[in-house]
PDB file of N, CA and C in Angstrom:
ATOM      1  N   MET A   1       0.849  -1.173   0.000  1.00  0.00           N
ATOM      2  CA  MET A   1       0.000   0.000   0.000  1.00  0.00           C
ATOM      3  C   MET A   1       0.899   1.242   0.000  1.00  0.00           C
ATOM      4  N   SER A   2       0.544   2.207  -0.789  1.00  0.00           N
ATOM      5  CA  SER A   2       1.314   3.447  -0.914  1.00  0.00           C
ATOM      6  C   SER A   2       1.083   4.366   0.275  1.00  0.00           C
ATOM      7  N   GLU A   3       2.084   5.207   0.538  1.00  0.00           N
ATOM      8  CA  GLU A   3       1.918   6.327   1.446  1.00  0.00           C
ATOM      9  C   GLU A   3       1.844   7.581   0.592  1.00  0.00           C
ATOM     10  N   TYR A   4       1.508   8.690   1.241  1.00  0.00           N
ATOM     11  CA  TYR A   4       1.363   9.964   0.545  1.00  0.00           C
ATOM     12  C   TYR A   4       2.111  11.034   1.313  1.00  0.00           C
ATOM     13  N   ALA A   5       2.556  12.057   0.596  1.00  0.00           N
ATOM     14  CA  ALA A   5       3.327  13.127   1.228  1.00  0.00           C
ATOM     15  C   ALA A   5       2.785  14.488   0.824  1.00  0.00           C
ATOM     16  N   ARG A   6       2.747  15.381   1.793  1.00  0.00           N
ATOM     17  CA  ARG A   6       2.422  16.790   1.566  1.00  0.00           C
ATOM     18  C   ARG A   6       3.721  17.547   1.779  1.00  0.00           C
ATOM     19  N   VAL A   7       4.173  18.243   0.746  1.00  0.00           N
ATOM     20  CA  VAL A   7       5.457  18.931   0.781  1.00  0.00           C
ATOM     21  C   VAL A   7       5.215  20.430   0.621  1.00  0.00           C
ATOM     22  N   VAL A   8       5.621  21.183   1.634  1.00  0.00           N
ATOM     23  CA  VAL A   8       5.387  22.622   1.647  1.00  0.00           C
ATOM     24  C   VAL A   8       6.736  23.336   1.656  1.00  0.00           C
ATOM     25  N   THR A   9       6.884  24.309   0.762  1.00  0.00           N
ATOM     26  CA  THR A   9       8.107  25.101   0.672  1.00  0.00           C
ATOM     27  C   THR A   9       7.829  26.496   1.196  1.00  0.00           C
ATOM     28  N   PHE A  10       8.756  26.988   2.008  1.00  0.00           N
ATOM     29  CA  PHE A  10       8.643  28.314   2.604  1.00  0.00           C
ATOM     30  C   PHE A  10       9.882  29.140   2.294  1.00  0.00           C
ATOM     31  N   ASP A  11       9.721  30.446   2.228  1.00  0.00           N
ATOM     32  CA  ASP A  11      10.817  31.391   2.353  1.00  0.00           C
ATOM     33  C   ASP A  11      10.856  31.728   3.831  1.00  0.00           C
ATOM     34  N   ALA A  12      12.024  31.587   4.470  1.00  0.00           N
ATOM     35  CA  ALA A  12      12.102  31.804   5.917  1.00  0.00           C
ATOM     36  C   ALA A  12      13.492  32.256   6.307  1.00  0.00           C
ATOM     37  N   ASP A  13      13.555  33.199   7.232  1.00  0.00           N
ATOM     38  CA  ASP A  13      14.858  33.586   7.763  1.00  0.00           C
ATOM     39  C   ASP A  13      15.272  32.577   8.840  1.00  0.00           C
ATOM     40  N   ASP A  14      16.508  32.709   9.344  1.00  0.00           N
ATOM     41  CA  ASP A  14      17.018  31.753  10.332  1.00  0.00           C
ATOM     42  C   ASP A  14      16.144  31.688  11.580  1.00  0.00           C
ATOM     43  N   ALA A  15      15.676  32.829  12.044  1.00  0.00           N
ATOM     44  CA  ALA A  15      14.854  32.850  13.257  1.00  0.00           C
ATOM     45  C   ALA A  15      13.540  32.099  13.038  1.00  0.00           C
ATOM     46  N   ALA A  16      12.923  32.268  11.880  1.00  0.00           N
ATOM     47  CA  ALA A  16      11.675  31.574  11.573  1.00  0.00           C
ATOM     48  C   ALA A  16      11.911  30.075  11.462  1.00  0.00           C
ATOM     49  N   LEU A  17      12.990  29.699  10.807  1.00  0.00           N
ATOM     50  CA  LEU A  17      13.326  28.285  10.676  1.00  0.00           C
ATOM     51  C   LEU A  17      13.524  27.672  12.056  1.00  0.00           C
ATOM     52  N   ASP A  18      14.312  28.325  12.899  1.00  0.00           N
ATOM     53  CA  ASP A  18      14.564  27.799  14.239  1.00  0.00           C
ATOM     54  C   ASP A  18      13.284  27.716  15.061  1.00  0.00           C
ATOM     55  N   ALA A  19      12.406  28.716  14.942  1.00  0.00           N
ATOM     56  CA  ALA A  19      11.142  28.711  15.685  1.00  0.00           C
ATOM     57  C   ALA A  19      10.240  27.573  15.229  1.00  0.00           C
ATOM     58  N   LEU A  20      10.162  27.349  13.933  1.00  0.00           N
ATOM     59  CA  LEU A  20       9.317  26.272  13.413  1.00  0.00           C
ATOM     60  C   LEU A  20       9.856  24.911  13.848  1.00  0.00           C
ATOM     61  N   VAL A  21      11.162  24.722  13.741  1.00  0.00           N
ATOM     62  CA  VAL A  21      11.763  23.454  14.158  1.00  0.00           C
ATOM     63  C   VAL A  21      11.534  23.228  15.655  1.00  0.00           C
ATOM     64  N   ALA A  22      11.714  24.268  16.465  1.00  0.00           N
ATOM     65  CA  ALA A  22      11.486  24.141  17.909  1.00  0.00           C
ATOM     66  C   ALA A  22      10.029  23.789  18.203  1.00  0.00           C
ATOM     67  N   GLU A  23       9.098  24.403  17.463  1.00  0.00           N
ATOM     68  CA  GLU A  23       7.672  24.118  17.673  1.00  0.00           C
ATOM     69  C   GLU A  23       7.363  22.666  17.334  1.00  0.00           C
ATOM     70  N   ILE A  24       7.900  22.176  16.228  1.00  0.00           N
ATOM     71  CA  ILE A  24       7.647  20.788  15.821  1.00  0.00           C
ATOM     72  C   ILE A  24       8.324  19.819  16.784  1.00  0.00           C
ATOM     73  N   ALA A  25       9.588  20.080  17.109  1.00  0.00           N
ATOM     74  CA  ALA A  25      10.342  19.185  17.990  1.00  0.00           C
ATOM     75  C   ALA A  25       9.767  19.158  19.405  1.00  0.00           C
ATOM     76  N   GLY A  26       9.191  20.257  19.847  1.00  0.00           N
ATOM     77  CA  GLY A  26       8.655  20.340  21.194  1.00  0.00           C
ATOM     78  C   GLY A  26       7.247  19.805  21.352  1.00  0.00           C
ATOM     79  N   SER A  27       6.643  19.397  20.252  1.00  0.00           N
ATOM     80  CA  SER A  27       5.263  18.901  20.333  1.00  0.00           C
ATOM     81  C   SER A  27       5.254  17.427  20.737  1.00  0.00           C
ATOM     82  N   ASP A  28       4.091  16.964  21.164  1.00  0.00           N
ATOM     83  CA  ASP A  28       3.917  15.561  21.545  1.00  0.00           C
ATOM     84  C   ASP A  28       3.455  14.718  20.358  1.00  0.00           C
ATOM     85  N   GLY A  29       3.865  15.092  19.179  1.00  0.00           N
ATOM     86  CA  GLY A  29       3.452  14.383  17.982  1.00  0.00           C
ATOM     87  C   GLY A  29       2.714  15.324  17.053  1.00  0.00           C
ATOM     88  N   ALA A  30       2.070  14.750  16.083  1.00  0.00           N
ATOM     89  CA  ALA A  30       1.338  15.550  15.095  1.00  0.00           C
ATOM     90  C   ALA A  30       0.137  16.229  15.754  1.00  0.00           C
ATOM     91  N   PRO A  31      -0.286  17.372  15.196  1.00  0.00           N
ATOM     92  CA  PRO A  31      -1.484  18.042  15.728  1.00  0.00           C
ATOM     93  C   PRO A  31      -2.711  17.136  15.630  1.00  0.00           C
ATOM     94  N   GLU A  32      -3.688  17.405  16.483  1.00  0.00           N
ATOM     95  CA  GLU A  32      -4.932  16.640  16.441  1.00  0.00           C
ATOM     96  C   GLU A  32      -5.543  16.717  15.049  1.00  0.00           C
ATOM     97  N   GLY A  33      -5.944  15.569  14.513  1.00  0.00           N
ATOM     98  CA  GLY A  33      -6.531  15.517  13.179  1.00  0.00           C
ATOM     99  C   GLY A  33      -5.524  15.260  12.078  1.00  0.00           C
ATOM    100  N   VAL A  34      -4.256  15.159  12.438  1.00  0.00           N
ATOM    101  CA  VAL A  34      -3.204  14.886  11.455  1.00  0.00           C
ATOM    102  C   VAL A  34      -2.606  13.520  11.780  1.00  0.00           C
ATOM    103  N   SER A  35      -2.954  12.508  11.000  1.00  0.00           N
ATOM    104  CA  SER A  35      -2.446  11.155  11.250  1.00  0.00           C
ATOM    105  C   SER A  35      -1.197  10.900  10.411  1.00  0.00           C
ATOM    106  N   ALA A  36      -0.185  11.701  10.664  1.00  0.00           N
ATOM    107  CA  ALA A  36       1.069  11.598   9.928  1.00  0.00           C
ATOM    108  C   ALA A  36       1.906  10.436  10.450  1.00  0.00           C
ATOM    109  N   THR A  37       2.702   9.855   9.554  1.00  0.00           N
ATOM    110  CA  THR A  37       3.619   8.787   9.939  1.00  0.00           C
ATOM    111  C   THR A  37       5.046   9.295  10.094  1.00  0.00           C
ATOM    112  N   ARG A  38       5.364  10.442   9.490  1.00  0.00           N
ATOM    113  CA  ARG A  38       6.720  10.977   9.532  1.00  0.00           C
ATOM    114  C   ARG A  38       6.687  12.440   9.120  1.00  0.00           C
ATOM    115  N   ILE A  39       7.616  13.212   9.674  1.00  0.00           N
ATOM    116  CA  ILE A  39       7.794  14.590   9.231  1.00  0.00           C
ATOM    117  C   ILE A  39       9.280  14.812   9.025  1.00  0.00           C
ATOM    118  N   THR A  40       9.604  15.469   7.925  1.00  0.00           N
ATOM    119  CA  THR A  40      10.991  15.797   7.600  1.00  0.00           C
ATOM    120  C   THR A  40      11.062  17.284   7.313  1.00  0.00           C
ATOM    121  N   VAL A  41      12.029  17.959   7.929  1.00  0.00           N
ATOM    122  CA  VAL A  41      12.234  19.383   7.700  1.00  0.00           C
ATOM    123  C   VAL A  41      13.611  19.562   7.081  1.00  0.00           C
ATOM    124  N   LEU A  42      13.646  20.188   5.911  1.00  0.00           N
ATOM    125  CA  LEU A  42      14.892  20.440   5.182  1.00  0.00           C
ATOM    126  C   LEU A  42      15.105  21.937   5.089  1.00  0.00           C
ATOM    127  N   ALA A  43      16.358  22.374   5.226  1.00  0.00           N
ATOM    128  CA  ALA A  43      16.626  23.809   5.190  1.00  0.00           C
ATOM    129  C   ALA A  43      17.832  24.123   4.322  1.00  0.00           C
ATOM    130  N   ASP A  44      17.725  25.212   3.602  1.00  0.00           N
ATOM    131  CA  ASP A  44      18.857  25.832   2.915  1.00  0.00           C
ATOM    132  C   ASP A  44      18.945  27.229   3.508  1.00  0.00           C
ATOM    133  N   ARG A  45      19.690  27.348   4.598  1.00  0.00           N
ATOM    134  CA  ARG A  45      19.756  28.615   5.327  1.00  0.00           C
ATOM    135  C   ARG A  45      20.314  29.740   4.468  1.00  0.00           C
ATOM    136  N   ALA A  46      21.300  29.430   3.637  1.00  0.00           N
ATOM    137  CA  ALA A  46      21.914  30.465   2.804  1.00  0.00           C
ATOM    138  C   ALA A  46      20.909  31.062   1.828  1.00  0.00           C
ATOM    139  N   ALA A  47      20.004  30.234   1.327  1.00  0.00           N
ATOM    140  CA  ALA A  47      19.001  30.703   0.369  1.00  0.00           C
ATOM    141  C   ALA A  47      17.710  31.150   1.053  1.00  0.00           C
ATOM    142  N   GLY A  48      17.580  30.907   2.360  1.00  0.00           N
ATOM    143  CA  GLY A  48      16.355  31.274   3.063  1.00  0.00           C
ATOM    144  C   GLY A  48      15.178  30.400   2.682  1.00  0.00           C
ATOM    145  N   LYS A  49      15.446  29.117   2.399  1.00  0.00           N
ATOM    146  CA  LYS A  49      14.394  28.174   1.990  1.00  0.00           C
ATOM    147  C   LYS A  49      14.219  27.092   3.039  1.00  0.00           C
ATOM    148  N   LEU A  50      12.972  26.683   3.217  1.00  0.00           N
ATOM    149  CA  LEU A  50      12.614  25.650   4.171  1.00  0.00           C
ATOM    150  C   LEU A  50      11.583  24.748   3.504  1.00  0.00           C
ATOM    151  N   VAL A  51      11.776  23.442   3.616  1.00  0.00           N
ATOM    152  CA  VAL A  51      10.832  22.474   3.060  1.00  0.00           C
ATOM    153  C   VAL A  51      10.384  21.553   4.186  1.00  0.00           C
ATOM    154  N   VAL A  52       9.072  21.410   4.337  1.00  0.00           N
ATOM    155  CA  VAL A  52       8.504  20.517   5.340  1.00  0.00           C
ATOM    156  C   VAL A  52       7.702  19.449   4.602  1.00  0.00           C
ATOM    157  N   ALA A  53       8.128  18.197   4.766  1.00  0.00           N
ATOM    158  CA  ALA A  53       7.443  17.065   4.129  1.00  0.00           C
ATOM    159  C   ALA A  53       6.770  16.238   5.215  1.00  0.00           C
ATOM    160  N   VAL A  54       5.476  16.030   5.076  1.00  0.00           N
ATOM    161  CA  VAL A  54       4.705  15.255   6.044  1.00  0.00           C
ATOM    162  C   VAL A  54       4.149  14.038   5.329  1.00  0.00           C
ATOM    163  N   ARG A  55       4.432  12.859   5.882  1.00  0.00           N
ATOM    164  CA  ARG A  55       3.970  11.606   5.281  1.00  0.00           C
ATOM    165  C   ARG A  55       2.697  11.123   5.954  1.00  0.00           C
ATOM    166  N   PHE A  56       1.824  10.536   5.135  1.00  0.00           N
ATOM    167  CA  PHE A  56       0.538  10.027   5.602  1.00  0.00           C
ATOM    168  C   PHE A  56       0.353   8.590   5.121  1.00  0.00           C
ATOM    169  N   PRO A  57      -0.368   7.766   5.889  1.00  0.00           N
ATOM    170  CA  PRO A  57      -0.528   6.365   5.514  1.00  0.00           C
ATOM    171  C   PRO A  57      -1.498   6.122   4.362  1.00  0.00           C
ATOM    172  N   THR A  58      -2.430   7.052   4.141  1.00  0.00           N
ATOM    173  CA  THR A  58      -3.427   6.889   3.080  1.00  0.00           C
ATOM    174  C   THR A  58      -3.709   8.235   2.426  1.00  0.00           C
ATOM    175  N   GLU A  59      -4.322   8.184   1.269  1.00  0.00           N
ATOM    176  CA  GLU A  59      -4.708   9.416   0.587  1.00  0.00           C
ATOM    177  C   GLU A  59      -5.777  10.169   1.382  1.00  0.00           C
ATOM    178  N   GLU A  60      -6.683   9.438   2.014  1.00  0.00           N
ATOM    179  CA  GLU A  60      -7.713  10.077   2.844  1.00  0.00           C
ATOM    180  C   GLU A  60      -7.073  10.788   4.044  1.00  0.00           C
ATOM    181  N   ALA A  61      -6.096  10.149   4.670  1.00  0.00           N
ATOM    182  CA  ALA A  61      -5.397  10.778   5.798  1.00  0.00           C
ATOM    183  C   ALA A  61      -4.667  12.039   5.339  1.00  0.00           C
ATOM    184  N   LEU A  62      -4.122  12.014   4.130  1.00  0.00           N
ATOM    185  CA  LEU A  62      -3.468  13.201   3.565  1.00  0.00           C
ATOM    186  C   LEU A  62      -4.470  14.338   3.424  1.00  0.00           C
ATOM    187  N   ARG A  63      -5.640  14.063   2.861  1.00  0.00           N
ATOM    188  CA  ARG A  63      -6.657  15.101   2.687  1.00  0.00           C
ATOM    189  C   ARG A  63      -7.105  15.676   4.028  1.00  0.00           C
ATOM    190  N   GLU A  64      -7.352  14.795   4.996  1.00  0.00           N
ATOM    191  CA  GLU A  64      -7.790  15.250   6.318  1.00  0.00           C
ATOM    192  C   GLU A  64      -6.684  16.057   7.003  1.00  0.00           C
ATOM    193  N   GLY A  65      -5.457  15.558   6.947  1.00  0.00           N
ATOM    194  CA  GLY A  65      -4.333  16.256   7.570  1.00  0.00           C
ATOM    195  C   GLY A  65      -4.045  17.582   6.899  1.00  0.00           C
ATOM    196  N   ALA A  66      -4.159  17.621   5.580  1.00  0.00           N
ATOM    197  CA  ALA A  66      -3.915  18.862   4.844  1.00  0.00           C
ATOM    198  C   ALA A  66      -4.889  19.950   5.271  1.00  0.00           C
ATOM    199  N   ALA A  67      -6.142  19.583   5.508  1.00  0.00           N
ATOM    200  CA  ALA A  67      -7.137  20.571   5.947  1.00  0.00           C
ATOM    201  C   ALA A  67      -6.748  21.161   7.302  1.00  0.00           C
ATOM    202  N   VAL A  68      -6.261  20.330   8.210  1.00  0.00           N
ATOM    203  CA  VAL A  68      -5.833  20.811   9.526  1.00  0.00           C
ATOM    204  C   VAL A  68      -4.598  21.698   9.381  1.00  0.00           C
ATOM    205  N   LEU A  69      -3.624  21.241   8.599  1.00  0.00           N
ATOM    206  CA  LEU A  69      -2.384  22.002   8.431  1.00  0.00           C
ATOM    207  C   LEU A  69      -2.635  23.339   7.744  1.00  0.00           C
ATOM    208  N   GLU A  70      -3.565  23.395   6.809  1.00  0.00           N
ATOM    209  CA  GLU A  70      -3.911  24.649   6.127  1.00  0.00           C
ATOM    210  C   GLU A  70      -4.418  25.701   7.110  1.00  0.00           C
ATOM    211  N   ALA A  71      -5.107  25.259   8.147  1.00  0.00           N
ATOM    212  CA  ALA A  71      -5.702  26.180   9.114  1.00  0.00           C
ATOM    213  C   ALA A  71      -4.697  26.683  10.150  1.00  0.00           C
ATOM    214  N   MET A  72      -3.504  26.116  10.161  1.00  0.00           N
ATOM    215  CA  MET A  72      -2.501  26.501  11.162  1.00  0.00           C
ATOM    216  C   MET A  72      -1.784  27.786  10.745  1.00  0.00           C
ATOM    217  N   SER A  73      -1.291  28.509  11.739  1.00  0.00           N
ATOM    218  CA  SER A  73      -0.524  29.732  11.514  1.00  0.00           C
ATOM    219  C   SER A  73       0.947  29.468  11.823  1.00  0.00           C
ATOM    220  N   PRO A  74       1.837  30.212  11.173  1.00  0.00           N
ATOM    221  CA  PRO A  74       3.261  30.050  11.492  1.00  0.00           C
ATOM    222  C   PRO A  74       3.548  30.568  12.893  1.00  0.00           C
ATOM    223  N   PRO A  75       4.701  30.193  13.454  1.00  0.00           N
ATOM    224  CA  PRO A  75       5.052  30.707  14.781  1.00  0.00           C
ATOM    225  C   PRO A  75       4.975  32.232  14.814  1.00  0.00           C
ATOM    226  N   ALA A  76       4.453  32.775  15.903  1.00  0.00           N
ATOM    227  CA  ALA A  76       4.276  34.224  16.043  1.00  0.00           C
ATOM    228  C   ALA A  76       5.610  34.953  15.979  1.00  0.00           C
ATOM    229  N   GLY A  77       5.595  36.123  15.351  1.00  0.00           N
ATOM    230  CA  GLY A  77       6.771  36.979  15.304  1.00  0.00           C
ATOM    231  C   GLY A  77       7.869  36.504  14.380  1.00  0.00           C
ATOM    232  N   THR A  78       7.534  35.642  13.424  1.00  0.00           N
ATOM    233  CA  THR A  78       8.561  35.131  12.515  1.00  0.00           C
ATOM    234  C   THR A  78       8.349  35.658  11.102  1.00  0.00           C
ATOM    235  N   ASP A  79       9.436  35.665  10.340  1.00  0.00           N
ATOM    236  CA  ASP A  79       9.387  36.091   8.945  1.00  0.00           C
ATOM    237  C   ASP A  79       9.410  34.843   8.077  1.00  0.00           C
ATOM    238  N   ILE A  80       8.215  34.325   7.792  1.00  0.00           N
ATOM    239  CA  ILE A  80       8.088  33.093   7.015  1.00  0.00           C
ATOM    240  C   ILE A  80       6.920  33.261   6.050  1.00  0.00           C
ATOM    241  N   ARG A  81       7.109  32.757   4.825  1.00  0.00           N
ATOM    242  CA  ARG A  81       6.064  32.877   3.795  1.00  0.00           C
ATOM    243  C   ARG A  81       5.992  31.571   3.024  1.00  0.00           C
ATOM    244  N   ARG A  82       4.794  30.994   2.957  1.00  0.00           N
ATOM    245  CA  ARG A  82       4.602  29.757   2.199  1.00  0.00           C
ATOM    246  C   ARG A  82       4.610  30.088   0.717  1.00  0.00           C
ATOM    247  N   VAL A  83       5.408  29.364  -0.061  1.00  0.00           N
ATOM    248  CA  VAL A  83       5.492  29.644  -1.492  1.00  0.00           C
ATOM    249  C   VAL A  83       4.960  28.503  -2.358  1.00  0.00           C
ATOM    250  N   ALA A  84       4.854  27.292  -1.801  1.00  0.00           N
ATOM    251  CA  ALA A  84       4.334  26.176  -2.605  1.00  0.00           C
ATOM    252  C   ALA A  84       3.824  25.072  -1.694  1.00  0.00           C
ATOM    253  N   VAL A  85       2.770  24.394  -2.158  1.00  0.00           N
ATOM    254  CA  VAL A  85       2.243  23.206  -1.492  1.00  0.00           C
ATOM    255  C   VAL A  85       2.028  22.164  -2.575  1.00  0.00           C
ATOM    256  N   ASP A  86       2.649  21.013  -2.380  1.00  0.00           N
ATOM    257  CA  ASP A  86       2.515  19.920  -3.344  1.00  0.00           C
ATOM    258  C   ASP A  86       2.152  18.639  -2.611  1.00  0.00           C
ATOM    259  N   GLU A  87       1.470  17.750  -3.300  1.00  0.00           N
ATOM    260  CA  GLU A  87       1.103  16.454  -2.734  1.00  0.00           C
ATOM    261  C   GLU A  87       1.574  15.366  -3.681  1.00  0.00           C
ATOM    262  N   TYR A  88       2.123  14.293  -3.088  1.00  0.00           N
ATOM    263  CA  TYR A  88       2.711  13.215  -3.873  1.00  0.00           C
ATOM    264  C   TYR A  88       2.301  11.856  -3.326  1.00  0.00           C
ATOM    265  N   GLU A  89       2.278  10.872  -4.203  1.00  0.00           N
ATOM    266  CA  GLU A  89       2.221   9.480  -3.795  1.00  0.00           C
ATOM    267  C   GLU A  89       3.662   9.016  -3.645  1.00  0.00           C
ATOM    268  N   VAL A  90       3.982   8.341  -2.561  1.00  0.00           N
ATOM    269  CA  VAL A  90       5.323   7.795  -2.359  1.00  0.00           C
ATOM    270  C   VAL A  90       5.350   6.451  -3.097  1.00  0.00           C
ATOM    271  N   VAL A  91       6.095   6.381  -4.176  1.00  0.00           N
ATOM    272  CA  VAL A  91       6.087   5.175  -4.997  1.00  0.00           C
ATOM    273  C   VAL A  91       7.296   4.270  -4.751  1.00  0.00           C
ATOM    274  N   LEU A  92       8.331   4.805  -4.105  1.00  0.00           N
ATOM    275  CA  LEU A  92       9.500   3.985  -3.791  1.00  0.00           C
ATOM    276  C   LEU A  92      10.263   4.630  -2.647  1.00  0.00           C
ATOM    277  N   GLU A  93      10.677   3.778  -1.708  1.00  0.00           N
ATOM    278  CA  GLU A  93      11.575   4.215  -0.649  1.00  0.00           C
ATOM    279  C   GLU A  93      12.428   3.015  -0.296  1.00  0.00           C
ATOM    280  N   ARG A  94      13.740   3.234  -0.273  1.00  0.00           N
ATOM    281  CA  ARG A  94      14.637   2.143   0.074  1.00  0.00           C
ATOM    282  C   ARG A  94      15.920   2.709   0.634  1.00  0.00           C
ATOM    283  N   SER A  95      16.670   1.883   1.279  1.00  0.00           N
ATOM    284  CA  SER A  95      17.971   2.270   1.796  1.00  0.00           C
ATOM    285  C   SER A  95      18.946   2.403   0.631  1.00  0.00           C
ATOM    286  N   ALA A  96      19.870   3.341   0.746  1.00  0.00           N
ATOM    287  CA  ALA A  96      20.846   3.541  -0.325  1.00  0.00           C
ATOM    288  C   ALA A  96      21.953   2.495  -0.283  1.00  0.00           C
ATOM    289  N   SER A  97      22.080   1.773   0.806  1.00  0.00           N
ATOM    290  CA  SER A  97      23.159   0.767   0.886  1.00  0.00           C
ATOM    291  C   SER A  97      22.656  -0.622   0.636  1.00  0.00           C
TER     292      SER A  97
END
């Protein structure tokens, strides 16, 4: 069975990136209504880019989780702007070794 991913790209300064990572790391898991299996945060600090990929076990869970995530606000007092939201089916994942 396939998993699904919601991938969001942000323009963010270092303070916004650190605040978002701290908020995610300090939580007790995914927000209520988000049945995610994994979250990955990627950063290119020099370019001011941040990518957050959230994995879901089913397409329905992706739709439900996306609705919750859409309603969320970025950490207060940060300079962050969402520039893209994409959704994917995970068709292959394997170890590189």
